[in-house]
Amino acid sequence: MKHRRVRPPSRRTKATSKSPALKRAHLLVLECDSSTLERDRLNLGSAFVNWVSTLLPTKTISLVQGQTEAQLGRDLAEEAARHAAFRSVVVVGHSNTQGLMLTGDGLRRWRVVGTWLKPLRPEFLFLTACEAGGSAVVRELFDEIDSLREIYASPSPLAVNHTPMIGALLFSLLKTGRINPQDSQILRAAGFILTGGQLFRWRRREFGPGQELQALWGDVAAQLLRSLTGGSGA
């Protein structure tokens, strides 16, 4: 069956209708190909939204569940119209180094994923997805989403028992407005020791001119850490 490609929602087309009174929201959670995630019992975004909404009821949090690109385009356009931006975005989905199963319509390259997320204007991006934390993937996302400051993602296969690291960092960001770099480092190191899960913190300045070698060292470190866990990341 041939699928019609859908253009990602553009903030430019909404500019004339947006009110300057719109405020920035705290978090948007995107469950990609949500029916598959539910079938695999990996619809972690829904559970996280329910949990955080109970503990932090004053925070503005939205959940979008992607089924088809047409439906996803409508839902993201509505969110972009309601809010000036989302400070943080969490993406939950099946992925590899090549791309993400954005919806049931198929795998999309990471650069394309970036064009879908760009209108949300996120500063922090959390990828609960396999092999999404390699330097090549992260570079494509930074290139496409000019508002991004930091990306948290795993360069290895991600298991369910690795995800509490992401949840803890995100909860801290929502509660305090920031992620303490030292606390982040300790939490991610403890997560690796306890579960074998890798979670990298990438910053935009690490992908500026002349920083290519530094980013590649991150990939080398990921391979070494993965070898310590038997190559499975679990």
C-alpha atoms as a PDB file:
ATOM      1  CA  MET A   1       0.000   0.000   0.000  1.00  0.00           C
ATOM      2  CA  LYS A   2       1.427   3.380  -0.993  1.00  0.00           C
ATOM      3  CA  HIS A   3       1.257   6.039   1.708  1.00  0.00           C
ATOM      4  CA  ARG A   4       0.853   9.712   0.937  1.00  0.00           C
ATOM      5  CA  ARG A   5       3.663  11.741   2.475  1.00  0.00           C
ATOM      6  CA  VAL A   6       2.391  14.437   4.768  1.00  0.00           C
ATOM      7  CA  ARG A   7       4.265  17.689   5.241  1.00  0.00           C
ATOM      8  CA  PRO A   8       5.153  18.401   8.882  1.00  0.00           C
ATOM      9  CA  PRO A   9       3.221  21.268  10.458  1.00  0.00           C
ATOM     10  CA  SER A  10       4.858  24.642   9.915  1.00  0.00           C
ATOM     11  CA  ARG A  11       4.911  27.381  12.515  1.00  0.00           C
ATOM     12  CA  ARG A  12       5.151  29.913   9.705  1.00  0.00           C
ATOM     13  CA  THR A  13       1.685  29.056   8.460  1.00  0.00           C
ATOM     14  CA  LYS A  14       0.322  29.652  11.950  1.00  0.00           C
ATOM     15  CA  ALA A  15       2.081  32.954  12.557  1.00  0.00           C
ATOM     16  CA  THR A  16      -0.784  35.189  11.465  1.00  0.00           C
ATOM     17  CA  SER A  17      -3.287  33.430  13.748  1.00  0.00           C
ATOM     18  CA  LYS A  18      -1.125  33.068  16.848  1.00  0.00           C
ATOM     19  CA  SER A  19      -1.762  35.421  19.721  1.00  0.00           C
ATOM     20  CA  PRO A  20       1.220  37.057  21.469  1.00  0.00           C
ATOM     21  CA  ALA A  21      -0.499  36.173  24.769  1.00  0.00           C
ATOM     22  CA  LEU A  22       0.133  32.464  24.262  1.00  0.00           C
ATOM     23  CA  LYS A  23       2.469  31.028  26.887  1.00  0.00           C
ATOM     24  CA  ARG A  24       5.141  28.381  26.656  1.00  0.00           C
ATOM     25  CA  ALA A  25       4.019  24.969  27.898  1.00  0.00           C
ATOM     26  CA  HIS A  26       6.207  22.727  30.031  1.00  0.00           C
ATOM     27  CA  LEU A  27       6.111  19.374  28.264  1.00  0.00           C
ATOM     28  CA  LEU A  28       4.804  17.497  25.249  1.00  0.00           C
ATOM     29  CA  VAL A  29       5.016  13.706  25.158  1.00  0.00           C
ATOM     30  CA  LEU A  30       4.840  12.088  21.733  1.00  0.00           C
ATOM     31  CA  GLU A  31       4.058   8.374  21.554  1.00  0.00           C
ATOM     32  CA  CYS A  32       5.057   7.307  18.062  1.00  0.00           C
ATOM     33  CA  ASP A  33       3.027   4.578  16.357  1.00  0.00           C
ATOM     34  CA  SER A  34       1.069   4.410  19.609  1.00  0.00           C
ATOM     35  CA  SER A  35      -0.985   1.319  18.776  1.00  0.00           C
ATOM     36  CA  THR A  36       2.219  -0.692  18.315  1.00  0.00           C
ATOM     37  CA  LEU A  37       3.653   0.695  21.553  1.00  0.00           C
ATOM     38  CA  GLU A  38       0.481  -0.274  23.386  1.00  0.00           C
ATOM     39  CA  ARG A  39       0.581  -3.768  21.923  1.00  0.00           C
ATOM     40  CA  ASP A  40       4.226  -4.116  23.004  1.00  0.00           C
ATOM     41  CA  ARG A  41       3.394  -2.661  26.433  1.00  0.00           C
ATOM     42  CA  LEU A  42       5.809   0.175  25.777  1.00  0.00           C
ATOM     43  CA  ASN A  43       3.342   3.080  25.858  1.00  0.00           C
ATOM     44  CA  LEU A  44       5.421   4.646  28.620  1.00  0.00           C
ATOM     45  CA  GLY A  45       4.508   8.202  27.688  1.00  0.00           C
ATOM     46  CA  SER A  46       0.895   7.807  28.776  1.00  0.00           C
ATOM     47  CA  ALA A  47       1.932   6.436  32.157  1.00  0.00           C
ATOM     48  CA  PHE A  48       4.457   9.221  32.662  1.00  0.00           C
ATOM     49  CA  VAL A  49       1.936  11.945  31.816  1.00  0.00           C
ATOM     50  CA  ASN A  50      -0.560  10.523  34.310  1.00  0.00           C
ATOM     51  CA  TRP A  51       2.108  10.274  37.012  1.00  0.00           C
ATOM     52  CA  VAL A  52       3.543  13.766  36.536  1.00  0.00           C
ATOM     53  CA  SER A  53       0.129  15.403  36.182  1.00  0.00           C
ATOM     54  CA  THR A  54      -0.786  14.014  39.590  1.00  0.00           C
ATOM     55  CA  LEU A  55       2.436  15.112  41.301  1.00  0.00           C
ATOM     56  CA  LEU A  56       2.819  18.447  39.490  1.00  0.00           C
ATOM     57  CA  PRO A  57      -0.743  19.548  38.687  1.00  0.00           C
ATOM     58  CA  THR A  58       0.236  23.139  37.827  1.00  0.00           C
ATOM     59  CA  LYS A  59       2.437  22.103  34.896  1.00  0.00           C
ATOM     60  CA  THR A  60       1.117  22.323  31.345  1.00  0.00           C
ATOM     61  CA  ILE A  61       1.584  18.882  29.807  1.00  0.00           C
ATOM     62  CA  SER A  62       0.248  17.492  26.535  1.00  0.00           C
ATOM     63  CA  LEU A  63       0.167  13.949  25.160  1.00  0.00           C
ATOM     64  CA  VAL A  64       0.089  13.237  21.427  1.00  0.00           C
ATOM     65  CA  GLN A  65      -0.313   9.676  20.182  1.00  0.00           C
ATOM     66  CA  GLY A  66       0.778   9.244  16.599  1.00  0.00           C
ATOM     67  CA  GLN A  67      -1.139   6.750  14.458  1.00  0.00           C
ATOM     68  CA  THR A  68      -0.813   8.170  10.941  1.00  0.00           C
ATOM     69  CA  GLU A  69       1.139  11.135   9.615  1.00  0.00           C
ATOM     70  CA  ALA A  70      -2.076  12.900   8.598  1.00  0.00           C
ATOM     71  CA  GLN A  71      -3.452  12.630  12.127  1.00  0.00           C
ATOM     72  CA  LEU A  72      -0.095  13.527  13.688  1.00  0.00           C
ATOM     73  CA  GLY A  73       0.138  16.637  11.541  1.00  0.00           C
ATOM     74  CA  ARG A  74      -3.269  17.814  12.726  1.00  0.00           C
ATOM     75  CA  ASP A  75      -2.515  17.098  16.386  1.00  0.00           C
ATOM     76  CA  LEU A  76       0.859  18.839  16.385  1.00  0.00           C
ATOM     77  CA  ALA A  77      -0.578  21.827  14.537  1.00  0.00           C
ATOM     78  CA  GLU A  78      -3.256  22.134  17.226  1.00  0.00           C
ATOM     79  CA  GLU A  79      -0.634  22.000  19.976  1.00  0.00           C
ATOM     80  CA  ALA A  80       1.481  24.629  18.214  1.00  0.00           C
ATOM     81  CA  ALA A  81      -1.604  26.854  17.936  1.00  0.00           C
ATOM     82  CA  ARG A  82      -2.451  26.510  21.646  1.00  0.00           C
ATOM     83  CA  HIS A  83       1.043  27.103  23.004  1.00  0.00           C
ATOM     84  CA  ALA A  84       3.870  29.432  22.035  1.00  0.00           C
ATOM     85  CA  ALA A  85       6.361  26.580  22.566  1.00  0.00           C
ATOM     86  CA  PHE A  86       7.073  23.470  24.631  1.00  0.00           C
ATOM     87  CA  ARG A  87      10.144  23.738  26.800  1.00  0.00           C
ATOM     88  CA  SER A  88      10.627  19.966  26.764  1.00  0.00           C
ATOM     89  CA  VAL A  89       9.582  17.195  24.390  1.00  0.00           C
ATOM     90  CA  VAL A  90       9.702  13.469  25.115  1.00  0.00           C
ATOM     91  CA  VAL A  91       9.596  11.042  22.199  1.00  0.00           C
ATOM     92  CA  VAL A  92       8.688   7.406  22.860  1.00  0.00           C
ATOM     93  CA  GLY A  93       9.008   5.003  19.966  1.00  0.00           C
ATOM     94  CA  HIS A  94      10.810   2.248  18.093  1.00  0.00           C
ATOM     95  CA  SER A  95      13.955   3.419  16.345  1.00  0.00           C
ATOM     96  CA  ASN A  96      17.476   2.691  15.196  1.00  0.00           C
ATOM     97  CA  THR A  97      20.402   4.768  13.976  1.00  0.00           C
ATOM     98  CA  GLN A  98      18.657   5.331  10.643  1.00  0.00           C
ATOM     99  CA  GLY A  99      15.361   6.708  11.865  1.00  0.00           C
ATOM    100  CA  LEU A 100      12.223   6.524  13.984  1.00  0.00           C
ATOM    101  CA  MET A 101       8.874   4.795  13.474  1.00  0.00           C
ATOM    102  CA  LEU A 102       7.157   8.157  13.744  1.00  0.00           C
ATOM    103  CA  THR A 103       3.746   6.652  12.960  1.00  0.00           C
ATOM    104  CA  GLY A 104       2.343   3.457  11.510  1.00  0.00           C
ATOM    105  CA  ASP A 105       3.180   4.905   8.070  1.00  0.00           C
ATOM    106  CA  GLY A 106       6.780   3.777   8.408  1.00  0.00           C
ATOM    107  CA  LEU A 107      10.323   4.664   9.411  1.00  0.00           C
ATOM    108  CA  ARG A 108      11.345   8.297   8.989  1.00  0.00           C
ATOM    109  CA  ARG A 109      14.910   9.593   8.929  1.00  0.00           C
ATOM    110  CA  TRP A 110      16.007  11.510  12.019  1.00  0.00           C
ATOM    111  CA  ARG A 111      16.349  14.716  10.037  1.00  0.00           C
ATOM    112  CA  VAL A 112      12.715  14.370   9.005  1.00  0.00           C
ATOM    113  CA  VAL A 113      11.743  13.755  12.628  1.00  0.00           C
ATOM    114  CA  GLY A 114      13.458  17.040  13.422  1.00  0.00           C
ATOM    115  CA  THR A 115      11.258  18.909  10.954  1.00  0.00           C
ATOM    116  CA  TRP A 116       8.168  17.538  12.693  1.00  0.00           C
ATOM    117  CA  LEU A 117       9.384  18.640  16.119  1.00  0.00           C
ATOM    118  CA  LYS A 118      10.782  22.037  15.112  1.00  0.00           C
ATOM    119  CA  PRO A 119       7.454  23.957  15.334  1.00  0.00           C
ATOM    120  CA  LEU A 120       7.197  22.992  19.021  1.00  0.00           C
ATOM    121  CA  ARG A 121      10.373  25.000  19.771  1.00  0.00           C
ATOM    122  CA  PRO A 122      11.752  22.619  22.442  1.00  0.00           C
ATOM    123  CA  GLU A 123      14.853  23.430  24.474  1.00  0.00           C
ATOM    124  CA  PHE A 124      15.216  19.918  25.904  1.00  0.00           C
ATOM    125  CA  LEU A 125      14.581  16.708  23.976  1.00  0.00           C
ATOM    126  CA  PHE A 126      14.359  13.283  25.646  1.00  0.00           C
ATOM    127  CA  LEU A 127      14.396  10.289  23.308  1.00  0.00           C
ATOM    128  CA  THR A 128      12.997   7.094  24.815  1.00  0.00           C
ATOM    129  CA  ALA A 129      14.028   5.122  21.770  1.00  0.00           C
ATOM    130  CA  CYS A 130      16.727   2.642  20.800  1.00  0.00           C
ATOM    131  CA  GLU A 131      20.067   3.842  19.394  1.00  0.00           C
ATOM    132  CA  ALA A 132      18.925   7.465  19.296  1.00  0.00           C
ATOM    133  CA  GLY A 133      21.906   8.863  21.209  1.00  0.00           C
ATOM    134  CA  GLY A 134      24.676   8.455  18.638  1.00  0.00           C
ATOM    135  CA  SER A 135      26.440  11.584  17.428  1.00  0.00           C
ATOM    136  CA  ALA A 136      25.143  11.306  13.847  1.00  0.00           C
ATOM    137  CA  VAL A 137      21.509  11.124  15.019  1.00  0.00           C
ATOM    138  CA  VAL A 138      21.923  13.961  17.486  1.00  0.00           C
ATOM    139  CA  ARG A 139      23.667  16.178  14.935  1.00  0.00           C
ATOM    140  CA  GLU A 140      20.743  15.839  12.525  1.00  0.00           C
ATOM    141  CA  LEU A 141      18.289  16.838  15.252  1.00  0.00           C
ATOM    142  CA  PHE A 142      20.355  19.840  16.357  1.00  0.00           C
ATOM    143  CA  ASP A 143      20.660  20.921  12.728  1.00  0.00           C
ATOM    144  CA  GLU A 144      16.895  20.841  12.208  1.00  0.00           C
ATOM    145  CA  ILE A 145      15.671  22.178  15.578  1.00  0.00           C
ATOM    146  CA  ASP A 146      17.403  25.493  16.191  1.00  0.00           C
ATOM    147  CA  SER A 147      15.766  25.995  19.604  1.00  0.00           C
ATOM    148  CA  LEU A 148      17.325  22.832  21.083  1.00  0.00           C
ATOM    149  CA  ARG A 149      19.862  23.213  23.904  1.00  0.00           C
ATOM    150  CA  GLU A 150      20.231  19.619  25.134  1.00  0.00           C
ATOM    151  CA  ILE A 151      19.328  16.094  24.026  1.00  0.00           C
ATOM    152  CA  TYR A 152      19.143  13.068  26.326  1.00  0.00           C
ATOM    153  CA  ALA A 153      19.183   9.719  24.542  1.00  0.00           C
ATOM    154  CA  SER A 154      20.729   6.270  24.572  1.00  0.00           C
ATOM    155  CA  PRO A 155      23.232   5.239  21.882  1.00  0.00           C
ATOM    156  CA  SER A 156      22.411   1.576  22.561  1.00  0.00           C
ATOM    157  CA  PRO A 157      19.251  -0.562  22.614  1.00  0.00           C
ATOM    158  CA  LEU A 158      16.905   0.745  25.295  1.00  0.00           C
ATOM    159  CA  ALA A 159      15.140  -1.572  27.740  1.00  0.00           C
ATOM    160  CA  VAL A 160      12.215  -0.700  29.985  1.00  0.00           C
ATOM    161  CA  ASN A 161      14.388  -0.814  33.101  1.00  0.00           C
ATOM    162  CA  HIS A 162      16.599   1.927  31.614  1.00  0.00           C
ATOM    163  CA  THR A 163      13.797   4.462  31.312  1.00  0.00           C
ATOM    164  CA  PRO A 164      13.600   5.562  34.986  1.00  0.00           C
ATOM    165  CA  MET A 165      16.790   7.572  34.371  1.00  0.00           C
ATOM    166  CA  ILE A 166      14.961   9.639  31.776  1.00  0.00           C
ATOM    167  CA  GLY A 167      11.917   9.977  34.009  1.00  0.00           C
ATOM    168  CA  ALA A 168      13.985  11.191  36.971  1.00  0.00           C
ATOM    169  CA  LEU A 169      15.843  13.824  34.938  1.00  0.00           C
ATOM    170  CA  LEU A 170      12.659  15.043  33.315  1.00  0.00           C
ATOM    171  CA  PHE A 171      10.836  15.239  36.631  1.00  0.00           C
ATOM    172  CA  SER A 172      13.679  17.320  38.051  1.00  0.00           C
ATOM    173  CA  LEU A 173      13.485  19.676  35.085  1.00  0.00           C
ATOM    174  CA  LEU A 174       9.734  20.090  35.470  1.00  0.00           C
ATOM    175  CA  LYS A 175       9.915  20.617  39.219  1.00  0.00           C
ATOM    176  CA  THR A 176      12.936  22.933  39.483  1.00  0.00           C
ATOM    177  CA  GLY A 177      13.194  24.391  36.003  1.00  0.00           C
ATOM    178  CA  ARG A 178      16.683  23.007  35.409  1.00  0.00           C
ATOM    179  CA  ILE A 179      18.792  19.854  35.374  1.00  0.00           C
ATOM    180  CA  ASN A 180      21.815  20.046  37.644  1.00  0.00           C
ATOM    181  CA  PRO A 181      24.769  18.775  35.548  1.00  0.00           C
ATOM    182  CA  GLN A 182      26.446  17.062  38.508  1.00  0.00           C
ATOM    183  CA  ASP A 183      23.234  15.359  39.611  1.00  0.00           C
ATOM    184  CA  SER A 184      22.637  14.309  36.011  1.00  0.00           C
ATOM    185  CA  GLN A 185      26.079  12.742  35.755  1.00  0.00           C
ATOM    186  CA  ILE A 186      25.673  10.850  39.035  1.00  0.00           C
ATOM    187  CA  LEU A 187      22.207   9.580  38.093  1.00  0.00           C
ATOM    188  CA  ARG A 188      23.283   8.407  34.655  1.00  0.00           C
ATOM    189  CA  ALA A 189      26.383   6.682  36.047  1.00  0.00           C
ATOM    190  CA  ALA A 190      24.295   4.947  38.712  1.00  0.00           C
ATOM    191  CA  GLY A 191      21.781   3.884  36.077  1.00  0.00           C
ATOM    192  CA  PHE A 192      24.505   2.262  34.011  1.00  0.00           C
ATOM    193  CA  ILE A 193      25.954   0.441  37.033  1.00  0.00           C
ATOM    194  CA  LEU A 194      22.539  -0.845  38.134  1.00  0.00           C
ATOM    195  CA  THR A 195      20.929  -1.640  34.779  1.00  0.00           C
ATOM    196  CA  GLY A 196      23.575  -1.424  32.053  1.00  0.00           C
ATOM    197  CA  GLY A 197      21.565   1.335  30.385  1.00  0.00           C
ATOM    198  CA  GLN A 198      23.389   4.213  28.738  1.00  0.00           C
ATOM    199  CA  LEU A 199      21.947   7.710  28.709  1.00  0.00           C
ATOM    200  CA  PHE A 200      23.994  10.457  27.076  1.00  0.00           C
ATOM    201  CA  ARG A 201      23.626  14.182  27.566  1.00  0.00           C
ATOM    202  CA  TRP A 202      24.446  16.073  24.368  1.00  0.00           C
ATOM    203  CA  ARG A 203      24.715  19.877  24.259  1.00  0.00           C
ATOM    204  CA  ARG A 204      24.503  22.058  21.182  1.00  0.00           C
ATOM    205  CA  ARG A 205      27.983  23.496  21.643  1.00  0.00           C
ATOM    206  CA  GLU A 206      29.405  19.989  21.247  1.00  0.00           C
ATOM    207  CA  PHE A 207      28.306  20.059  17.609  1.00  0.00           C
ATOM    208  CA  GLY A 208      29.703  23.415  16.583  1.00  0.00           C
ATOM    209  CA  PRO A 209      32.474  23.978  14.024  1.00  0.00           C
ATOM    210  CA  GLY A 210      35.577  21.953  14.802  1.00  0.00           C
ATOM    211  CA  GLN A 211      33.791  19.735  17.339  1.00  0.00           C
ATOM    212  CA  GLU A 212      33.375  16.681  15.116  1.00  0.00           C
ATOM    213  CA  LEU A 213      36.162  14.721  16.824  1.00  0.00           C
ATOM    214  CA  GLN A 214      34.742  15.360  20.297  1.00  0.00           C
ATOM    215  CA  ALA A 215      31.355  13.992  19.216  1.00  0.00           C
ATOM    216  CA  LEU A 216      33.001  10.896  17.750  1.00  0.00           C
ATOM    217  CA  TRP A 217      34.687  10.218  21.090  1.00  0.00           C
ATOM    218  CA  GLY A 218      31.193   9.931  22.513  1.00  0.00           C
ATOM    219  CA  ASP A 219      30.446   7.178  20.023  1.00  0.00           C
ATOM    220  CA  VAL A 220      33.644   5.363  20.989  1.00  0.00           C
ATOM    221  CA  ALA A 221      32.709   5.595  24.664  1.00  0.00           C
ATOM    222  CA  ALA A 222      29.256   4.205  23.874  1.00  0.00           C
ATOM    223  CA  GLN A 223      30.765   1.175  22.130  1.00  0.00           C
ATOM    224  CA  LEU A 224      33.129   0.519  25.044  1.00  0.00           C
ATOM    225  CA  LEU A 225      30.313   0.749  27.575  1.00  0.00           C
ATOM    226  CA  ARG A 226      28.125  -1.480  25.439  1.00  0.00           C
ATOM    227  CA  SER A 227      30.837  -4.117  25.328  1.00  0.00           C
ATOM    228  CA  LEU A 228      30.803  -4.199  29.122  1.00  0.00           C
ATOM    229  CA  THR A 229      27.147  -5.224  29.081  1.00  0.00           C
ATOM    230  CA  GLY A 230      27.565  -7.971  26.504  1.00  0.00           C
ATOM    231  CA  GLY A 231      26.492  -5.800  23.560  1.00  0.00           C
ATOM    232  CA  SER A 232      22.792  -5.826  24.410  1.00  0.00           C
ATOM    233  CA  GLY A 233      22.635  -2.638  26.415  1.00  0.00           C
ATOM    234  CA  ALA A 234      20.543  -4.482  28.998  1.00  0.00           C
END
